[in-house]
Amino acid sequence: MKIEEQKELISGFKHLELLANQVVEGFISGMHKSPFHGFSAEFAEHKVYNSGESTKHIDWKLFAKTDRLYTKRFEEETNLRCHLIIDNSSSMHYPKLEAGAPFYESKIGFAVLASAVLMNLLKKQRDAVGLSVYSDEYEYYAPEKGSDRHHRMLLNRLEGLLEDPKEAKPTNTITFLHQIAEKMHRRSMIILFTDMFQNDNEEALFNALQHLKHNKHKVVLFHVIDEKRELNFDFDNAPRKFIDVETGEVINLFAENIKEEYEKNIQKYFKSIALTCSQNKIKYVPVNVGADFEKILTTYLAEKQMFG
């Protein structure tokens, strides 16, 4: 599904769970056009049969329709454990949206909806999901579970992030990634949503990300950005006041005067993050607010296939 169609589909809804379901259902309906030919509309209730497994639960009716072997899944089955981590610092609440604008056009709104979308898919596949939220404190932790009650609890927490804007809350990513890593005892896929705005040195940050990889966890870093403003520095040339939402520091300038230098430096920073993630075998994916939900889902499915 194209992003424009996807945004039109969900723009009329406000309830987070319904929004997430619309995105996932739209994605599933278009999967036959994607590289994931092993999945089908029935994948929520089935898994691909692997040679050597018991044939007891093969769905022969589905085999007759698809000429592929699938086994039925069961309520108590959990193939994957996934832990979602959301950076809830003040910079993630940028940009401040105008009245009536979709909430997922801010960084925190996008991270919340993307997390709900992944939770919806995990629920369909009977997988367990946990959640951590941090800013200048470790705000929330829930271990990985697969029950409906747990799913509802996490959705309520995600909705709460949209109602609780952070004022002057800096990011303490390094401290809390280490704390989260200490809680992760069973092998899991760990998915982090952050804008990577932090004052600590990069080496310390990636040491913390590397800590998440202990016990053979798979780590996916979704780098959430407002591409128009933060990447392309797309402002008119009127005099502007730029305020650091985490420190309160103010700079007055004409955007046009520094646009070229800014874009060069931001591209250098992004390349540095991508390289360091690659060296540490961390999947790095930049994602743009208000879009890229399909990129979230295709990345997750590709990483899950390799996770095994």
C-alpha atoms as a PDB file:
ATOM      1  CA  MET A   1       0.000   0.000   0.000  1.00  0.00           C
ATOM      2  CA  LYS A   2       1.333   3.433  -0.904  1.00  0.00           C
ATOM      3  CA  ILE A   3       2.003   5.848   1.934  1.00  0.00           C
ATOM      4  CA  GLU A   4      -0.498   8.370   0.512  1.00  0.00           C
ATOM      5  CA  GLU A   5      -3.231   5.718   0.443  1.00  0.00           C
ATOM      6  CA  GLN A   6      -2.230   4.527   3.891  1.00  0.00           C
ATOM      7  CA  LYS A   7      -2.406   8.016   5.385  1.00  0.00           C
ATOM      8  CA  GLU A   8      -5.791   8.626   3.725  1.00  0.00           C
ATOM      9  CA  LEU A   9      -7.042   5.322   5.112  1.00  0.00           C
ATOM     10  CA  ILE A  10      -6.139   6.112   8.712  1.00  0.00           C
ATOM     11  CA  SER A  11      -6.614   9.880   8.752  1.00  0.00           C
ATOM     12  CA  GLY A  12     -10.271   9.614   9.697  1.00  0.00           C
ATOM     13  CA  PHE A  13      -9.632   7.559  12.824  1.00  0.00           C
ATOM     14  CA  LYS A  14      -8.412   8.596  16.253  1.00  0.00           C
ATOM     15  CA  HIS A  15      -8.452   5.476  18.369  1.00  0.00           C
ATOM     16  CA  LEU A  16      -4.936   4.035  18.522  1.00  0.00           C
ATOM     17  CA  GLU A  17      -5.904   0.363  18.337  1.00  0.00           C
ATOM     18  CA  LEU A  18      -8.179   0.958  15.362  1.00  0.00           C
ATOM     19  CA  LEU A  19      -5.502   3.009  13.606  1.00  0.00           C
ATOM     20  CA  ALA A  20      -2.930   0.280  14.123  1.00  0.00           C
ATOM     21  CA  ASN A  21      -5.301  -2.390  12.857  1.00  0.00           C
ATOM     22  CA  GLN A  22      -6.053  -0.375   9.705  1.00  0.00           C
ATOM     23  CA  VAL A  23      -2.347  -0.068   8.926  1.00  0.00           C
ATOM     24  CA  VAL A  24      -1.681  -3.782   9.488  1.00  0.00           C
ATOM     25  CA  GLU A  25      -4.718  -4.963   7.524  1.00  0.00           C
ATOM     26  CA  GLY A  26      -3.769  -2.681   4.633  1.00  0.00           C
ATOM     27  CA  PHE A  27      -0.242  -4.039   4.723  1.00  0.00           C
ATOM     28  CA  ILE A  28      -1.373  -7.668   4.823  1.00  0.00           C
ATOM     29  CA  SER A  29      -3.713  -7.148   1.862  1.00  0.00           C
ATOM     30  CA  GLY A  30      -0.777  -5.889  -0.179  1.00  0.00           C
ATOM     31  CA  MET A  31       1.679  -8.577   0.875  1.00  0.00           C
ATOM     32  CA  HIS A  32       1.327 -10.548  -2.361  1.00  0.00           C
ATOM     33  CA  LYS A  33       3.112  -7.642  -4.046  1.00  0.00           C
ATOM     34  CA  SER A  34       5.901  -7.641  -1.457  1.00  0.00           C
ATOM     35  CA  PRO A  35       9.004  -9.838  -1.127  1.00  0.00           C
ATOM     36  CA  PHE A  36       7.311 -11.824   1.651  1.00  0.00           C
ATOM     37  CA  HIS A  37       5.637 -14.393  -0.579  1.00  0.00           C
ATOM     38  CA  GLY A  38       5.767 -16.980   2.195  1.00  0.00           C
ATOM     39  CA  PHE A  39       3.118 -15.022   4.078  1.00  0.00           C
ATOM     40  CA  SER A  40      -0.536 -14.831   3.139  1.00  0.00           C
ATOM     41  CA  ALA A  41      -3.762 -13.344   4.468  1.00  0.00           C
ATOM     42  CA  GLU A  42      -3.967 -16.431   6.693  1.00  0.00           C
ATOM     43  CA  PHE A  43      -0.512 -15.928   8.209  1.00  0.00           C
ATOM     44  CA  ALA A  44      -2.014 -14.636  11.436  1.00  0.00           C
ATOM     45  CA  GLU A  45      -3.267 -18.115  12.246  1.00  0.00           C
ATOM     46  CA  HIS A  46      -0.631 -20.236  10.474  1.00  0.00           C
ATOM     47  CA  LYS A  47       3.105 -20.646  10.131  1.00  0.00           C
ATOM     48  CA  VAL A  48       5.110 -22.115   7.268  1.00  0.00           C
ATOM     49  CA  TYR A  49       5.775 -25.848   7.692  1.00  0.00           C
ATOM     50  CA  ASN A  50       9.463 -26.719   8.032  1.00  0.00           C
ATOM     51  CA  SER A  51      10.786 -30.079   6.875  1.00  0.00           C
ATOM     52  CA  GLY A  52      11.198 -32.468   9.781  1.00  0.00           C
ATOM     53  CA  GLU A  53       8.370 -31.010  11.867  1.00  0.00           C
ATOM     54  CA  SER A  54       5.409 -33.111  12.893  1.00  0.00           C
ATOM     55  CA  THR A  55       2.735 -33.276  10.184  1.00  0.00           C
ATOM     56  CA  LYS A  56       0.023 -33.542  12.838  1.00  0.00           C
ATOM     57  CA  HIS A  57      -1.117 -29.917  12.571  1.00  0.00           C
ATOM     58  CA  ILE A  58      -0.728 -29.311   8.818  1.00  0.00           C
ATOM     59  CA  ASP A  59      -3.734 -27.433   7.395  1.00  0.00           C
ATOM     60  CA  TRP A  60      -4.556 -29.581   4.355  1.00  0.00           C
ATOM     61  CA  LYS A  61      -7.436 -27.335   3.261  1.00  0.00           C
ATOM     62  CA  LEU A  62      -5.051 -24.397   3.036  1.00  0.00           C
ATOM     63  CA  PHE A  63      -2.574 -26.625   1.183  1.00  0.00           C
ATOM     64  CA  ALA A  64      -5.276 -27.377  -1.400  1.00  0.00           C
ATOM     65  CA  LYS A  65      -5.800 -23.642  -1.977  1.00  0.00           C
ATOM     66  CA  THR A  66      -2.179 -22.460  -1.908  1.00  0.00           C
ATOM     67  CA  ASP A  67      -0.084 -25.541  -2.761  1.00  0.00           C
ATOM     68  CA  ARG A  68       2.024 -24.623   0.287  1.00  0.00           C
ATOM     69  CA  LEU A  69       2.333 -26.433   3.589  1.00  0.00           C
ATOM     70  CA  TYR A  70       1.274 -24.482   6.688  1.00  0.00           C
ATOM     71  CA  THR A  71       0.722 -25.689  10.232  1.00  0.00           C
ATOM     72  CA  LYS A  72      -1.979 -24.308  12.473  1.00  0.00           C
ATOM     73  CA  ARG A  73      -0.948 -22.085  15.342  1.00  0.00           C
ATOM     74  CA  PHE A  74      -2.414 -22.219  18.815  1.00  0.00           C
ATOM     75  CA  GLU A  75      -3.370 -19.649  21.436  1.00  0.00           C
ATOM     76  CA  GLU A  76      -0.572 -20.551  23.815  1.00  0.00           C
ATOM     77  CA  GLU A  77       2.137 -20.653  21.136  1.00  0.00           C
ATOM     78  CA  THR A  78       4.795 -17.931  21.342  1.00  0.00           C
ATOM     79  CA  ASN A  79       7.467 -18.001  18.649  1.00  0.00           C
ATOM     80  CA  LEU A  80       9.074 -14.665  19.365  1.00  0.00           C
ATOM     81  CA  ARG A  81       9.628 -12.299  22.247  1.00  0.00           C
ATOM     82  CA  CYS A  82       9.791  -8.631  21.288  1.00  0.00           C
ATOM     83  CA  HIS A  83      10.595  -5.673  23.533  1.00  0.00           C
ATOM     84  CA  LEU A  84       9.707  -2.175  22.316  1.00  0.00           C
ATOM     85  CA  ILE A  85      11.642   0.814  23.694  1.00  0.00           C
ATOM     86  CA  ILE A  86      10.441   4.406  23.246  1.00  0.00           C
ATOM     87  CA  ASP A  87      12.469   7.554  23.871  1.00  0.00           C
ATOM     88  CA  ASN A  88       9.987   9.975  25.481  1.00  0.00           C
ATOM     89  CA  SER A  89      12.304  12.967  25.927  1.00  0.00           C
ATOM     90  CA  SER A  90      11.205  16.499  24.994  1.00  0.00           C
ATOM     91  CA  SER A  91      12.853  16.401  21.568  1.00  0.00           C
ATOM     92  CA  MET A  92      10.598  13.471  20.640  1.00  0.00           C
ATOM     93  CA  HIS A  93       7.562  15.750  21.096  1.00  0.00           C
ATOM     94  CA  TYR A  94       8.684  17.826  18.109  1.00  0.00           C
ATOM     95  CA  PRO A  95       7.235  19.294  15.983  1.00  0.00           C
ATOM     96  CA  LYS A  96       4.438  20.924  17.916  1.00  0.00           C
ATOM     97  CA  LEU A  97       1.395  20.118  15.822  1.00  0.00           C
ATOM     98  CA  GLU A  98      -1.335  22.500  14.782  1.00  0.00           C
ATOM     99  CA  ALA A  99      -4.906  21.761  15.858  1.00  0.00           C
ATOM    100  CA  GLY A 100      -6.386  18.977  13.767  1.00  0.00           C
ATOM    101  CA  ALA A 101      -3.044  17.634  12.510  1.00  0.00           C
ATOM    102  CA  PRO A 102      -2.608  13.836  12.749  1.00  0.00           C
ATOM    103  CA  PHE A 103      -0.794  12.983  15.982  1.00  0.00           C
ATOM    104  CA  TYR A 104       1.630  10.681  14.128  1.00  0.00           C
ATOM    105  CA  GLU A 105       3.236  13.674  12.399  1.00  0.00           C
ATOM    106  CA  SER A 106       5.185  14.369  15.598  1.00  0.00           C
ATOM    107  CA  LYS A 107       8.069  12.078  16.469  1.00  0.00           C
ATOM    108  CA  ILE A 108       6.478  10.708  19.640  1.00  0.00           C
ATOM    109  CA  GLY A 109       3.149  10.237  17.854  1.00  0.00           C
ATOM    110  CA  PHE A 110       4.849   8.341  15.054  1.00  0.00           C
ATOM    111  CA  ALA A 111       6.758   6.146  17.527  1.00  0.00           C
ATOM    112  CA  VAL A 112       3.542   5.419  19.434  1.00  0.00           C
ATOM    113  CA  LEU A 113       1.548   4.442  16.334  1.00  0.00           C
ATOM    114  CA  ALA A 114       4.452   2.425  14.897  1.00  0.00           C
ATOM    115  CA  SER A 115       4.704   0.564  18.224  1.00  0.00           C
ATOM    116  CA  ALA A 116       0.945  -0.100  18.225  1.00  0.00           C
ATOM    117  CA  VAL A 117       1.214  -1.367  14.644  1.00  0.00           C
ATOM    118  CA  LEU A 118       3.977  -3.801  15.603  1.00  0.00           C
ATOM    119  CA  MET A 119       1.995  -4.888  18.663  1.00  0.00           C
ATOM    120  CA  ASN A 120      -0.990  -5.610  16.436  1.00  0.00           C
ATOM    121  CA  LEU A 121       1.118  -7.806  14.167  1.00  0.00           C
ATOM    122  CA  LEU A 122       2.774  -9.547  17.117  1.00  0.00           C
ATOM    123  CA  LYS A 123      -0.651 -10.245  18.607  1.00  0.00           C
ATOM    124  CA  LYS A 124      -1.878 -11.733  15.331  1.00  0.00           C
ATOM    125  CA  GLN A 125       1.128 -14.034  15.282  1.00  0.00           C
ATOM    126  CA  ARG A 126       0.716 -15.068  18.951  1.00  0.00           C
ATOM    127  CA  ASP A 127       4.044 -13.493  19.892  1.00  0.00           C
ATOM    128  CA  ALA A 128       4.914 -11.866  23.215  1.00  0.00           C
ATOM    129  CA  VAL A 129       5.603  -8.136  23.514  1.00  0.00           C
ATOM    130  CA  GLY A 130       7.041  -5.935  26.256  1.00  0.00           C
ATOM    131  CA  LEU A 131       7.513  -2.176  26.538  1.00  0.00           C
ATOM    132  CA  SER A 132       9.991   0.274  28.066  1.00  0.00           C
ATOM    133  CA  VAL A 133       9.663   4.085  28.068  1.00  0.00           C
ATOM    134  CA  TYR A 134      12.412   6.457  29.171  1.00  0.00           C
ATOM    135  CA  SER A 135      13.371  10.152  29.122  1.00  0.00           C
ATOM    136  CA  ASP A 136      15.381  11.592  32.021  1.00  0.00           C
ATOM    137  CA  GLU A 137      13.981   8.696  34.074  1.00  0.00           C
ATOM    138  CA  TYR A 138      12.953   5.113  33.462  1.00  0.00           C
ATOM    139  CA  GLU A 139       9.239   5.854  33.131  1.00  0.00           C
ATOM    140  CA  TYR A 140       7.745   2.461  32.398  1.00  0.00           C
ATOM    141  CA  TYR A 141       8.626  -1.200  32.077  1.00  0.00           C
ATOM    142  CA  ALA A 142       6.463  -4.191  31.210  1.00  0.00           C
ATOM    143  CA  PRO A 143       7.953  -7.631  30.443  1.00  0.00           C
ATOM    144  CA  GLU A 144       7.069  -9.629  27.347  1.00  0.00           C
ATOM    145  CA  LYS A 145       3.668 -11.313  27.475  1.00  0.00           C
ATOM    146  CA  GLY A 146       1.079 -12.327  24.909  1.00  0.00           C
ATOM    147  CA  SER A 147      -2.281 -12.029  26.680  1.00  0.00           C
ATOM    148  CA  ASP A 148      -5.124  -9.746  25.586  1.00  0.00           C
ATOM    149  CA  ARG A 149      -5.068  -8.051  28.984  1.00  0.00           C
ATOM    150  CA  HIS A 150      -1.361  -7.289  28.633  1.00  0.00           C
ATOM    151  CA  HIS A 151      -1.881  -5.976  25.102  1.00  0.00           C
ATOM    152  CA  ARG A 152      -4.619  -3.639  26.352  1.00  0.00           C
ATOM    153  CA  MET A 153      -2.426  -2.404  29.186  1.00  0.00           C
ATOM    154  CA  LEU A 154       0.385  -1.512  26.767  1.00  0.00           C
ATOM    155  CA  LEU A 155      -2.014   0.271  24.404  1.00  0.00           C
ATOM    156  CA  ASN A 156      -3.298   2.365  27.305  1.00  0.00           C
ATOM    157  CA  ARG A 157       0.267   3.284  28.206  1.00  0.00           C
ATOM    158  CA  LEU A 158       1.040   4.257  24.605  1.00  0.00           C
ATOM    159  CA  GLU A 159      -2.060   6.450  24.452  1.00  0.00           C
ATOM    160  CA  GLY A 160      -0.903   8.109  27.667  1.00  0.00           C
ATOM    161  CA  LEU A 161       2.340   9.207  26.007  1.00  0.00           C
ATOM    162  CA  LEU A 162       0.305  11.298  23.575  1.00  0.00           C
ATOM    163  CA  GLU A 163      -1.550  13.029  26.412  1.00  0.00           C
ATOM    164  CA  ASP A 164       1.553  13.790  28.465  1.00  0.00           C
ATOM    165  CA  PRO A 165       3.853  16.200  26.582  1.00  0.00           C
ATOM    166  CA  LYS A 166       7.308  16.478  28.068  1.00  0.00           C
ATOM    167  CA  GLU A 167       8.543  19.911  29.092  1.00  0.00           C
ATOM    168  CA  ALA A 168      12.330  20.272  29.249  1.00  0.00           C
ATOM    169  CA  LYS A 169      12.946  16.559  29.684  1.00  0.00           C
ATOM    170  CA  PRO A 170      16.466  15.666  28.478  1.00  0.00           C
ATOM    171  CA  THR A 171      17.442  12.244  27.165  1.00  0.00           C
ATOM    172  CA  ASN A 172      19.339   9.810  29.345  1.00  0.00           C
ATOM    173  CA  THR A 173      19.501   7.091  26.719  1.00  0.00           C
ATOM    174  CA  ILE A 174      22.728   5.466  27.856  1.00  0.00           C
ATOM    175  CA  THR A 175      21.748   4.915  31.496  1.00  0.00           C
ATOM    176  CA  PHE A 176      18.362   3.419  30.678  1.00  0.00           C
ATOM    177  CA  LEU A 177      19.478   1.234  27.773  1.00  0.00           C
ATOM    178  CA  HIS A 178      21.920  -0.396  30.192  1.00  0.00           C
ATOM    179  CA  GLN A 179      19.099  -0.844  32.731  1.00  0.00           C
ATOM    180  CA  ILE A 180      16.785  -2.324  30.102  1.00  0.00           C
ATOM    181  CA  ALA A 181      19.549  -4.679  28.944  1.00  0.00           C
ATOM    182  CA  GLU A 182      19.891  -5.975  32.501  1.00  0.00           C
ATOM    183  CA  LYS A 183      16.190  -6.875  32.522  1.00  0.00           C
ATOM    184  CA  MET A 184      16.338  -8.847  29.257  1.00  0.00           C
ATOM    185  CA  HIS A 185      17.176 -12.403  30.309  1.00  0.00           C
ATOM    186  CA  ARG A 186      15.510 -14.375  27.510  1.00  0.00           C
ATOM    187  CA  ARG A 187      16.524 -14.026  23.864  1.00  0.00           C
ATOM    188  CA  SER A 188      14.347 -11.361  22.237  1.00  0.00           C
ATOM    189  CA  MET A 189      14.041  -8.930  19.397  1.00  0.00           C
ATOM    190  CA  ILE A 190      14.587  -5.432  20.811  1.00  0.00           C
ATOM    191  CA  ILE A 191      13.162  -2.484  18.864  1.00  0.00           C
ATOM    192  CA  LEU A 192      14.159   1.067  19.797  1.00  0.00           C
ATOM    193  CA  PHE A 193      12.410   4.257  18.661  1.00  0.00           C
ATOM    194  CA  THR A 194      14.528   7.367  19.257  1.00  0.00           C
ATOM    195  CA  ASP A 195      15.552  10.570  17.487  1.00  0.00           C
ATOM    196  CA  MET A 196      19.176  10.055  18.604  1.00  0.00           C
ATOM    197  CA  PHE A 197      19.313  13.554  20.101  1.00  0.00           C
ATOM    198  CA  GLN A 198      21.480  13.112  23.159  1.00  0.00           C
ATOM    199  CA  ASN A 199      24.404  14.960  24.673  1.00  0.00           C
ATOM    200  CA  ASP A 200      26.479  11.910  25.539  1.00  0.00           C
ATOM    201  CA  ASN A 201      29.347  10.748  23.369  1.00  0.00           C
ATOM    202  CA  GLU A 202      28.604   8.304  20.573  1.00  0.00           C
ATOM    203  CA  GLU A 203      30.965   5.636  21.869  1.00  0.00           C
ATOM    204  CA  ALA A 204      29.100   5.426  25.185  1.00  0.00           C
ATOM    205  CA  LEU A 205      25.773   5.297  23.360  1.00  0.00           C
ATOM    206  CA  PHE A 206      26.805   2.379  21.191  1.00  0.00           C
ATOM    207  CA  ASN A 207      28.306   0.586  24.168  1.00  0.00           C
ATOM    208  CA  ALA A 208      24.796   0.741  25.632  1.00  0.00           C
ATOM    209  CA  LEU A 209      23.266  -0.529  22.382  1.00  0.00           C
ATOM    210  CA  GLN A 210      25.858  -3.302  22.312  1.00  0.00           C
ATOM    211  CA  HIS A 211      24.825  -4.215  25.874  1.00  0.00           C
ATOM    212  CA  LEU A 212      21.308  -4.821  24.511  1.00  0.00           C
ATOM    213  CA  LYS A 213      22.759  -7.491  22.237  1.00  0.00           C
ATOM    214  CA  HIS A 214      23.884  -9.710  25.103  1.00  0.00           C
ATOM    215  CA  ASN A 215      22.181 -13.126  25.243  1.00  0.00           C
ATOM    216  CA  LYS A 216      22.042 -13.003  21.425  1.00  0.00           C
ATOM    217  CA  HIS A 217      19.203 -10.466  21.276  1.00  0.00           C
ATOM    218  CA  LYS A 218      18.504  -8.896  17.890  1.00  0.00           C
ATOM    219  CA  VAL A 219      18.455  -5.076  18.023  1.00  0.00           C
ATOM    220  CA  VAL A 220      16.614  -2.822  15.556  1.00  0.00           C
ATOM    221  CA  LEU A 221      17.094   0.947  15.843  1.00  0.00           C
ATOM    222  CA  PHE A 222      14.384   3.058  14.203  1.00  0.00           C
ATOM    223  CA  HIS A 223      15.838   6.566  13.954  1.00  0.00           C
ATOM    224  CA  VAL A 224      12.734   8.796  14.034  1.00  0.00           C
ATOM    225  CA  ILE A 225      13.139  12.130  12.233  1.00  0.00           C
ATOM    226  CA  ASP A 226      11.089  15.012  10.923  1.00  0.00           C
ATOM    227  CA  GLU A 227      12.691  14.867   7.494  1.00  0.00           C
ATOM    228  CA  LYS A 228      11.400  18.231   6.294  1.00  0.00           C
ATOM    229  CA  ARG A 229      12.786  20.253   9.198  1.00  0.00           C
ATOM    230  CA  GLU A 230      15.503  18.149  10.806  1.00  0.00           C
ATOM    231  CA  LEU A 231      17.085  16.640   7.703  1.00  0.00           C
ATOM    232  CA  ASN A 232      16.380  19.189   4.959  1.00  0.00           C
ATOM    233  CA  PHE A 233      16.237  22.242   7.266  1.00  0.00           C
ATOM    234  CA  ASP A 234      13.257  23.471   5.259  1.00  0.00           C
ATOM    235  CA  PHE A 235      12.480  26.898   6.764  1.00  0.00           C
ATOM    236  CA  ASP A 236      11.806  30.221   5.061  1.00  0.00           C
ATOM    237  CA  ASN A 237      14.442  32.912   5.386  1.00  0.00           C
ATOM    238  CA  ALA A 238      12.636  35.059   7.944  1.00  0.00           C
ATOM    239  CA  PRO A 239      14.599  35.609  11.158  1.00  0.00           C
ATOM    240  CA  ARG A 240      13.831  32.716  13.490  1.00  0.00           C
ATOM    241  CA  LYS A 241      14.368  31.769  17.105  1.00  0.00           C
ATOM    242  CA  PHE A 242      15.459  28.154  17.551  1.00  0.00           C
ATOM    243  CA  ILE A 243      14.969  26.749  21.061  1.00  0.00           C
ATOM    244  CA  ASP A 244      16.481  23.533  22.373  1.00  0.00           C
ATOM    245  CA  VAL A 245      13.416  21.908  23.959  1.00  0.00           C
ATOM    246  CA  GLU A 246      15.562  19.874  26.352  1.00  0.00           C
ATOM    247  CA  THR A 247      17.944  22.583  27.624  1.00  0.00           C
ATOM    248  CA  GLY A 248      16.070  25.816  26.814  1.00  0.00           C
ATOM    249  CA  GLU A 249      19.090  27.191  24.922  1.00  0.00           C
ATOM    250  CA  VAL A 250      18.084  29.820  22.316  1.00  0.00           C
ATOM    251  CA  ILE A 251      19.729  30.732  19.001  1.00  0.00           C
ATOM    252  CA  ASN A 252      18.490  33.541  16.721  1.00  0.00           C
ATOM    253  CA  LEU A 253      19.415  33.207  13.056  1.00  0.00           C
ATOM    254  CA  PHE A 254      18.381  33.212   9.404  1.00  0.00           C
ATOM    255  CA  ALA A 255      17.922  29.577   8.367  1.00  0.00           C
ATOM    256  CA  GLU A 256      19.248  30.199   4.859  1.00  0.00           C
ATOM    257  CA  ASN A 257      22.614  31.340   6.231  1.00  0.00           C
ATOM    258  CA  ILE A 258      23.412  27.968   7.787  1.00  0.00           C
ATOM    259  CA  LYS A 259      21.296  25.560   5.680  1.00  0.00           C
ATOM    260  CA  GLU A 260      24.194  24.196   3.607  1.00  0.00           C
ATOM    261  CA  GLU A 261      26.499  23.683   6.586  1.00  0.00           C
ATOM    262  CA  TYR A 262      23.677  22.189   8.685  1.00  0.00           C
ATOM    263  CA  GLU A 263      22.719  19.664   6.004  1.00  0.00           C
ATOM    264  CA  LYS A 264      26.356  18.628   5.539  1.00  0.00           C
ATOM    265  CA  ASN A 265      26.793  18.043   9.280  1.00  0.00           C
ATOM    266  CA  ILE A 266      23.511  16.190   9.743  1.00  0.00           C
ATOM    267  CA  GLN A 267      24.300  13.853   6.831  1.00  0.00           C
ATOM    268  CA  LYS A 268      27.732  13.193   8.363  1.00  0.00           C
ATOM    269  CA  TYR A 269      26.073  12.370  11.702  1.00  0.00           C
ATOM    270  CA  PHE A 270      23.561   9.994  10.093  1.00  0.00           C
ATOM    271  CA  LYS A 271      26.331   8.185   8.199  1.00  0.00           C
ATOM    272  CA  SER A 272      28.314   7.848  11.417  1.00  0.00           C
ATOM    273  CA  ILE A 273      25.333   6.287  13.212  1.00  0.00           C
ATOM    274  CA  ALA A 274      24.651   3.922  10.292  1.00  0.00           C
ATOM    275  CA  LEU A 275      28.293   2.823  10.140  1.00  0.00           C
ATOM    276  CA  THR A 276      28.577   2.213  13.875  1.00  0.00           C
ATOM    277  CA  CYS A 277      25.324   0.227  13.887  1.00  0.00           C
ATOM    278  CA  SER A 278      26.567  -1.861  10.973  1.00  0.00           C
ATOM    279  CA  GLN A 279      29.837  -2.578  12.776  1.00  0.00           C
ATOM    280  CA  ASN A 280      27.869  -3.694  15.847  1.00  0.00           C
ATOM    281  CA  LYS A 281      25.385  -5.762  13.802  1.00  0.00           C
ATOM    282  CA  ILE A 282      22.497  -3.515  14.820  1.00  0.00           C
ATOM    283  CA  LYS A 283      19.812  -2.956  12.187  1.00  0.00           C
ATOM    284  CA  TYR A 284      19.620   0.817  11.584  1.00  0.00           C
ATOM    285  CA  VAL A 285      16.544   2.251   9.855  1.00  0.00           C
ATOM    286  CA  PRO A 286      15.815   6.007   9.525  1.00  0.00           C
ATOM    287  CA  VAL A 287      12.044   6.639   9.461  1.00  0.00           C
ATOM    288  CA  ASN A 288      10.157   9.840   8.662  1.00  0.00           C
ATOM    289  CA  VAL A 289       7.249  11.050  10.807  1.00  0.00           C
ATOM    290  CA  GLY A 290       3.786  10.727   9.281  1.00  0.00           C
ATOM    291  CA  ALA A 291       4.918   8.015   6.872  1.00  0.00           C
ATOM    292  CA  ASP A 292       7.085   4.888   6.656  1.00  0.00           C
ATOM    293  CA  PHE A 293       4.736   2.493   8.477  1.00  0.00           C
ATOM    294  CA  GLU A 294       5.263  -0.002   5.670  1.00  0.00           C
ATOM    295  CA  LYS A 295       9.033   0.319   6.207  1.00  0.00           C
ATOM    296  CA  ILE A 296       8.486  -0.483   9.900  1.00  0.00           C
ATOM    297  CA  LEU A 297       6.560  -3.669   9.080  1.00  0.00           C
ATOM    298  CA  THR A 298       8.808  -4.919   6.257  1.00  0.00           C
ATOM    299  CA  THR A 299      11.888  -4.342   8.423  1.00  0.00           C
ATOM    300  CA  TYR A 300      10.302  -6.259  11.293  1.00  0.00           C
ATOM    301  CA  LEU A 301       9.305  -9.220   9.087  1.00  0.00           C
ATOM    302  CA  ALA A 302      12.728  -9.385   7.430  1.00  0.00           C
ATOM    303  CA  GLU A 303      14.494  -9.291  10.802  1.00  0.00           C
ATOM    304  CA  LYS A 304      12.131 -11.884  12.242  1.00  0.00           C
ATOM    305  CA  GLN A 305      12.912 -14.259   9.390  1.00  0.00           C
ATOM    306  CA  MET A 306      16.641 -13.932  10.156  1.00  0.00           C
ATOM    307  CA  PHE A 307      16.085 -14.106  13.920  1.00  0.00           C
ATOM    308  CA  GLY A 308      15.009 -17.704  13.805  1.00  0.00           C
END
